[in-house]
Amino acid sequence: LTYGQTLGEVALSDGEASCAGHFEWVEPNAVQVAGDYWMEVAFIPEDTEAFEGDTCTVYVHIGMATQEIVWDFKTSIISVGDTLRLEATATSGYAVTYDLDPTDIAMLDGNTLTAVAAGTLTITAQQDGVDEEGNQNYYAAAPVSYKITIAESSTGNGLVITEVRARKVVRNGEVLIIRGEEVYNLRGQRIE
């Protein structure tokens, strides 16, 4: 049995009884998280007038399911100062996280990437198999990576940061980049 399957999707076999009949799950629609359980099974005799049914428990192992990352990424080039929404999903429905390499030419705020310097960037989407409650019901998905080029801004208004010491803040709803003592908006304009 694999996570996501109901008990009723698995046929019971090899049960023995002193009369003719069949076994069935007491809760056939139950879906458990991955792990080991004792689940209740009922014996239903063919001749219900001569014999009574009974219940017992059986050991059930529910294995982790597999998942994939689905990401139809079509962007190959952006400019410094541009933002890009990353929209990878996992077939598990669990949240996807992203890694950037190198980390000094773009920043992430949730699923929004902001280009801060020119270069080649690798964006990797991943999902470790753990849900928001900490349940490990899926194996980790194979990571999916894409490379993009971040070009200098053609208008000259792009923000170019060459130091790793830059940081992003939000003030009055506006995203700002702080480098040393200087503050810039995402259009590359210095804020006094």
C-alpha atoms as a PDB file:
ATOM      1  CA  LEU A   1       0.000   0.000   0.000  1.00  0.00           C
ATOM      2  CA  THR A   2       1.319   3.452  -0.904  1.00  0.00           C
ATOM      3  CA  TYR A   3       0.397   6.813   0.609  1.00  0.00           C
ATOM      4  CA  GLY A   4      -2.698   8.205  -1.105  1.00  0.00           C
ATOM      5  CA  GLN A   5      -4.335   4.811  -1.637  1.00  0.00           C
ATOM      6  CA  THR A   6      -7.406   3.801   0.351  1.00  0.00           C
ATOM      7  CA  LEU A   7      -7.419   0.484   2.188  1.00  0.00           C
ATOM      8  CA  GLY A   8     -10.227  -0.638  -0.112  1.00  0.00           C
ATOM      9  CA  GLU A   9      -7.847  -0.449  -3.097  1.00  0.00           C
ATOM     10  CA  VAL A  10      -5.930  -3.416  -1.690  1.00  0.00           C
ATOM     11  CA  ALA A  11      -7.541  -6.863  -1.802  1.00  0.00           C
ATOM     12  CA  LEU A  12      -7.326  -8.972   1.333  1.00  0.00           C
ATOM     13  CA  SER A  13      -6.008 -12.489   0.749  1.00  0.00           C
ATOM     14  CA  ASP A  14      -4.640 -15.506   2.624  1.00  0.00           C
ATOM     15  CA  GLY A  15      -7.141 -15.167   5.464  1.00  0.00           C
ATOM     16  CA  GLU A  16      -8.368 -18.376   7.102  1.00  0.00           C
ATOM     17  CA  ALA A  17     -11.722 -19.057   8.767  1.00  0.00           C
ATOM     18  CA  SER A  18     -13.608 -22.130   9.945  1.00  0.00           C
ATOM     19  CA  CYS A  19     -16.428 -21.496   7.453  1.00  0.00           C
ATOM     20  CA  ALA A  20     -16.870 -20.079   3.951  1.00  0.00           C
ATOM     21  CA  GLY A  21     -16.917 -16.302   3.657  1.00  0.00           C
ATOM     22  CA  HIS A  22     -14.712 -13.344   2.867  1.00  0.00           C
ATOM     23  CA  PHE A  23     -12.669 -10.653   4.595  1.00  0.00           C
ATOM     24  CA  GLU A  24     -13.149  -6.916   4.086  1.00  0.00           C
ATOM     25  CA  TRP A  25     -11.733  -3.741   5.539  1.00  0.00           C
ATOM     26  CA  VAL A  26     -13.818  -2.189   8.316  1.00  0.00           C
ATOM     27  CA  GLU A  27     -12.824   1.280   7.016  1.00  0.00           C
ATOM     28  CA  PRO A  28     -12.209   0.721   3.275  1.00  0.00           C
ATOM     29  CA  ASN A  29     -12.027   4.474   2.512  1.00  0.00           C
ATOM     30  CA  ALA A  30      -9.367   5.201   5.144  1.00  0.00           C
ATOM     31  CA  VAL A  31      -6.182   6.911   3.921  1.00  0.00           C
ATOM     32  CA  GLN A  32      -3.319   6.936   6.407  1.00  0.00           C
ATOM     33  CA  VAL A  33      -0.029   8.821   6.360  1.00  0.00           C
ATOM     34  CA  ALA A  34       3.048   6.745   5.534  1.00  0.00           C
ATOM     35  CA  GLY A  35       3.956   4.407   8.394  1.00  0.00           C
ATOM     36  CA  ASP A  36       2.991   1.135  10.076  1.00  0.00           C
ATOM     37  CA  TYR A  37      -0.481   0.412  11.425  1.00  0.00           C
ATOM     38  CA  TRP A  38      -2.782  -2.268  12.791  1.00  0.00           C
ATOM     39  CA  MET A  39      -6.024  -1.954  10.841  1.00  0.00           C
ATOM     40  CA  GLU A  40      -9.356  -3.649  11.515  1.00  0.00           C
ATOM     41  CA  VAL A  41     -10.666  -6.355   9.150  1.00  0.00           C
ATOM     42  CA  ALA A  42     -14.088  -8.016   9.295  1.00  0.00           C
ATOM     43  CA  PHE A  43     -14.903 -11.617   8.367  1.00  0.00           C
ATOM     44  CA  ILE A  44     -18.313 -11.937   6.691  1.00  0.00           C
ATOM     45  CA  PRO A  45     -19.560 -15.569   6.591  1.00  0.00           C
ATOM     46  CA  GLU A  46     -21.531 -16.780   3.564  1.00  0.00           C
ATOM     47  CA  ASP A  47     -24.118 -18.386   5.835  1.00  0.00           C
ATOM     48  CA  THR A  48     -24.985 -15.565   8.246  1.00  0.00           C
ATOM     49  CA  GLU A  49     -27.735 -17.639   9.885  1.00  0.00           C
ATOM     50  CA  ALA A  50     -25.389 -20.442  10.937  1.00  0.00           C
ATOM     51  CA  PHE A  51     -22.250 -18.356  11.618  1.00  0.00           C
ATOM     52  CA  GLU A  52     -21.469 -14.953  13.084  1.00  0.00           C
ATOM     53  CA  GLY A  53     -18.957 -12.562  11.580  1.00  0.00           C
ATOM     54  CA  ASP A  54     -15.935 -11.394  13.530  1.00  0.00           C
ATOM     55  CA  THR A  55     -13.228  -8.751  13.377  1.00  0.00           C
ATOM     56  CA  CYS A  56      -9.483  -8.852  13.812  1.00  0.00           C
ATOM     57  CA  THR A  57      -6.545  -6.540  13.124  1.00  0.00           C
ATOM     58  CA  VAL A  58      -3.885  -6.940  10.465  1.00  0.00           C
ATOM     59  CA  TYR A  59      -0.511  -5.263  10.109  1.00  0.00           C
ATOM     60  CA  VAL A  60      -0.383  -2.723   7.275  1.00  0.00           C
ATOM     61  CA  HIS A  61       2.686  -0.894   6.004  1.00  0.00           C
ATOM     62  CA  ILE A  62       1.937   2.288   4.049  1.00  0.00           C
ATOM     63  CA  GLY A  63       4.926   3.314   1.969  1.00  0.00           C
ATOM     64  CA  MET A  64       5.869   6.766   0.780  1.00  0.00           C
ATOM     65  CA  ALA A  65       4.673   7.824  -2.669  1.00  0.00           C
ATOM     66  CA  THR A  66       6.758   9.336  -5.438  1.00  0.00           C
ATOM     67  CA  GLN A  67       6.377  12.890  -6.682  1.00  0.00           C
ATOM     68  CA  GLU A  68       7.732  15.068  -9.474  1.00  0.00           C
ATOM     69  CA  ILE A  69       8.349  18.744  -9.955  1.00  0.00           C
ATOM     70  CA  VAL A  70       6.428  20.237 -12.866  1.00  0.00           C
ATOM     71  CA  TRP A  71       7.960  23.440 -14.174  1.00  0.00           C
ATOM     72  CA  ASP A  72       7.333  24.802 -17.641  1.00  0.00           C
ATOM     73  CA  PHE A  73       9.999  27.496 -17.500  1.00  0.00           C
ATOM     74  CA  LYS A  74      10.356  29.431 -20.762  1.00  0.00           C
ATOM     75  CA  THR A  75      12.385  32.502 -19.774  1.00  0.00           C
ATOM     76  CA  SER A  76      16.020  32.524 -20.898  1.00  0.00           C
ATOM     77  CA  ILE A  77      17.047  36.160 -20.398  1.00  0.00           C
ATOM     78  CA  ILE A  78      16.014  39.016 -18.105  1.00  0.00           C
ATOM     79  CA  SER A  79      17.592  42.363 -17.262  1.00  0.00           C
ATOM     80  CA  VAL A  80      18.971  43.742 -14.048  1.00  0.00           C
ATOM     81  CA  GLY A  81      16.058  45.152 -12.038  1.00  0.00           C
ATOM     82  CA  ASP A  82      13.499  42.766 -13.582  1.00  0.00           C
ATOM     83  CA  THR A  83      11.352  40.509 -11.433  1.00  0.00           C
ATOM     84  CA  LEU A  84      10.238  37.031 -12.396  1.00  0.00           C
ATOM     85  CA  ARG A  85       7.571  34.859 -10.728  1.00  0.00           C
ATOM     86  CA  LEU A  86       8.730  31.250 -10.303  1.00  0.00           C
ATOM     87  CA  GLU A  87       5.826  28.819 -10.672  1.00  0.00           C
ATOM     88  CA  ALA A  88       7.072  25.267 -10.228  1.00  0.00           C
ATOM     89  CA  THR A  89       4.645  22.819  -8.607  1.00  0.00           C
ATOM     90  CA  ALA A  90       5.040  19.371  -7.089  1.00  0.00           C
ATOM     91  CA  THR A  91       2.649  16.557  -8.017  1.00  0.00           C
ATOM     92  CA  SER A  92       2.283  15.956  -4.264  1.00  0.00           C
ATOM     93  CA  GLY A  93       0.727  19.401  -3.887  1.00  0.00           C
ATOM     94  CA  TYR A  94       3.435  20.290  -1.352  1.00  0.00           C
ATOM     95  CA  ALA A  95       5.253  23.639  -1.516  1.00  0.00           C
ATOM     96  CA  VAL A  96       8.286  23.919  -3.807  1.00  0.00           C
ATOM     97  CA  THR A  97      11.413  25.808  -2.708  1.00  0.00           C
ATOM     98  CA  TYR A  98      14.114  27.370  -4.872  1.00  0.00           C
ATOM     99  CA  ASP A  99      17.898  27.689  -4.729  1.00  0.00           C
ATOM    100  CA  LEU A 100      19.947  30.220  -6.691  1.00  0.00           C
ATOM    101  CA  ASP A 101      23.513  29.770  -7.907  1.00  0.00           C
ATOM    102  CA  PRO A 102      25.287  32.093  -7.631  1.00  0.00           C
ATOM    103  CA  THR A 103      23.437  33.843  -4.819  1.00  0.00           C
ATOM    104  CA  ASP A 104      24.792  37.351  -5.407  1.00  0.00           C
ATOM    105  CA  ILE A 105      23.136  38.223  -8.747  1.00  0.00           C
ATOM    106  CA  ALA A 106      19.492  37.636  -7.818  1.00  0.00           C
ATOM    107  CA  MET A 107      17.292  37.585  -4.729  1.00  0.00           C
ATOM    108  CA  LEU A 108      14.207  35.577  -3.832  1.00  0.00           C
ATOM    109  CA  ASP A 109      11.169  36.791  -1.947  1.00  0.00           C
ATOM    110  CA  GLY A 110       8.941  33.744  -1.756  1.00  0.00           C
ATOM    111  CA  ASN A 111       8.441  32.773  -5.415  1.00  0.00           C
ATOM    112  CA  THR A 112       9.505  36.156  -6.816  1.00  0.00           C
ATOM    113  CA  LEU A 113      13.019  36.472  -8.184  1.00  0.00           C
ATOM    114  CA  THR A 114      14.624  39.899  -8.587  1.00  0.00           C
ATOM    115  CA  ALA A 115      17.709  40.281 -10.784  1.00  0.00           C
ATOM    116  CA  VAL A 116      20.302  42.542  -9.081  1.00  0.00           C
ATOM    117  CA  ALA A 117      23.463  42.000 -11.174  1.00  0.00           C
ATOM    118  CA  ALA A 118      24.424  40.698 -14.628  1.00  0.00           C
ATOM    119  CA  GLY A 119      25.551  37.089 -15.091  1.00  0.00           C
ATOM    120  CA  THR A 120      24.355  33.539 -15.601  1.00  0.00           C
ATOM    121  CA  LEU A 121      21.990  32.232 -12.940  1.00  0.00           C
ATOM    122  CA  THR A 122      20.925  28.662 -12.217  1.00  0.00           C
ATOM    123  CA  ILE A 123      17.526  28.362 -10.528  1.00  0.00           C
ATOM    124  CA  THR A 124      16.760  25.000  -8.931  1.00  0.00           C
ATOM    125  CA  ALA A 125      13.269  23.958  -7.806  1.00  0.00           C
ATOM    126  CA  GLN A 126      13.030  21.247  -5.151  1.00  0.00           C
ATOM    127  CA  GLN A 127      10.581  19.503  -2.827  1.00  0.00           C
ATOM    128  CA  ASP A 128      11.840  17.365   0.062  1.00  0.00           C
ATOM    129  CA  GLY A 129       8.697  15.236   0.550  1.00  0.00           C
ATOM    130  CA  VAL A 130       7.667  16.804   3.873  1.00  0.00           C
ATOM    131  CA  ASP A 131       4.292  18.549   4.181  1.00  0.00           C
ATOM    132  CA  GLU A 132       3.417  21.590   6.314  1.00  0.00           C
ATOM    133  CA  GLU A 133       2.655  19.343   9.323  1.00  0.00           C
ATOM    134  CA  GLY A 134       6.022  17.562   9.064  1.00  0.00           C
ATOM    135  CA  ASN A 135       4.636  14.307   7.594  1.00  0.00           C
ATOM    136  CA  GLN A 136       7.035  12.478   5.282  1.00  0.00           C
ATOM    137  CA  ASN A 137       4.530  10.929   2.863  1.00  0.00           C
ATOM    138  CA  TYR A 138       6.499  11.393  -0.352  1.00  0.00           C
ATOM    139  CA  TYR A 139      10.024  10.686  -1.424  1.00  0.00           C
ATOM    140  CA  ALA A 140      11.920  13.861  -2.270  1.00  0.00           C
ATOM    141  CA  ALA A 141      11.331  14.964  -5.850  1.00  0.00           C
ATOM    142  CA  ALA A 142      14.255  15.086  -8.256  1.00  0.00           C
ATOM    143  CA  PRO A 143      15.332  18.739  -8.438  1.00  0.00           C
ATOM    144  CA  VAL A 144      14.683  20.636 -11.681  1.00  0.00           C
ATOM    145  CA  SER A 145      17.126  23.372 -12.757  1.00  0.00           C
ATOM    146  CA  TYR A 146      17.096  26.081 -15.409  1.00  0.00           C
ATOM    147  CA  LYS A 147      19.768  28.589 -16.417  1.00  0.00           C
ATOM    148  CA  ILE A 148      18.953  32.161 -17.326  1.00  0.00           C
ATOM    149  CA  THR A 149      21.059  35.104 -18.378  1.00  0.00           C
ATOM    150  CA  ILE A 150      20.734  38.351 -16.476  1.00  0.00           C
ATOM    151  CA  ALA A 151      21.725  41.207 -18.777  1.00  0.00           C
ATOM    152  CA  GLU A 152      22.606  44.758 -17.865  1.00  0.00           C
ATOM    153  CA  SER A 153      19.545  46.990 -18.092  1.00  0.00           C
ATOM    154  CA  SER A 154      19.233  48.404 -21.631  1.00  0.00           C
ATOM    155  CA  THR A 155      17.733  51.636 -20.306  1.00  0.00           C
ATOM    156  CA  GLY A 156      20.490  52.299 -17.824  1.00  0.00           C
ATOM    157  CA  ASN A 157      17.926  52.382 -15.012  1.00  0.00           C
ATOM    158  CA  GLY A 158      18.688  48.871 -13.788  1.00  0.00           C
ATOM    159  CA  LEU A 159      20.183  48.328 -10.381  1.00  0.00           C
ATOM    160  CA  VAL A 160      23.660  46.834 -10.521  1.00  0.00           C
ATOM    161  CA  ILE A 161      25.078  45.475  -7.320  1.00  0.00           C
ATOM    162  CA  THR A 162      28.499  43.881  -7.399  1.00  0.00           C
ATOM    163  CA  GLU A 163      28.895  43.268  -3.695  1.00  0.00           C
ATOM    164  CA  VAL A 164      27.409  40.308  -1.860  1.00  0.00           C
ATOM    165  CA  ARG A 165      26.650  42.601   1.088  1.00  0.00           C
ATOM    166  CA  ALA A 166      23.470  43.984  -0.484  1.00  0.00           C
ATOM    167  CA  ARG A 167      20.190  43.251   1.248  1.00  0.00           C
ATOM    168  CA  LYS A 168      16.563  43.748   0.400  1.00  0.00           C
ATOM    169  CA  VAL A 169      13.986  45.459   2.601  1.00  0.00           C
ATOM    170  CA  VAL A 170      10.368  46.499   2.156  1.00  0.00           C
ATOM    171  CA  ARG A 171       9.477  50.016   3.305  1.00  0.00           C
ATOM    172  CA  ASN A 172       5.973  51.444   2.846  1.00  0.00           C
ATOM    173  CA  GLY A 173       5.185  48.625   0.408  1.00  0.00           C
ATOM    174  CA  GLU A 174       8.217  49.344  -1.826  1.00  0.00           C
ATOM    175  CA  VAL A 175      11.083  46.867  -2.244  1.00  0.00           C
ATOM    176  CA  LEU A 176      14.443  48.566  -1.634  1.00  0.00           C
ATOM    177  CA  ILE A 177      18.019  47.350  -1.979  1.00  0.00           C
ATOM    178  CA  ILE A 178      20.568  48.471   0.624  1.00  0.00           C
ATOM    179  CA  ARG A 179      24.269  48.406  -0.218  1.00  0.00           C
ATOM    180  CA  GLY A 180      26.508  49.871   2.434  1.00  0.00           C
ATOM    181  CA  GLU A 181      25.025  53.273   3.318  1.00  0.00           C
ATOM    182  CA  GLU A 182      23.166  53.655  -0.005  1.00  0.00           C
ATOM    183  CA  VAL A 183      19.523  52.723  -0.648  1.00  0.00           C
ATOM    184  CA  TYR A 184      18.127  52.006  -4.149  1.00  0.00           C
ATOM    185  CA  ASN A 185      14.708  51.152  -5.545  1.00  0.00           C
ATOM    186  CA  LEU A 186      14.344  48.313  -8.072  1.00  0.00           C
ATOM    187  CA  ARG A 187      14.640  50.807 -10.943  1.00  0.00           C
ATOM    188  CA  GLY A 188      18.203  51.562  -9.815  1.00  0.00           C
ATOM    189  CA  GLN A 189      17.349  55.017  -8.500  1.00  0.00           C
ATOM    190  CA  ARG A 190      19.121  56.083  -5.345  1.00  0.00           C
ATOM    191  CA  ILE A 191      16.742  56.932  -2.474  1.00  0.00           C
ATOM    192  CA  GLU A 192      17.815  59.760  -0.162  1.00  0.00           C
END
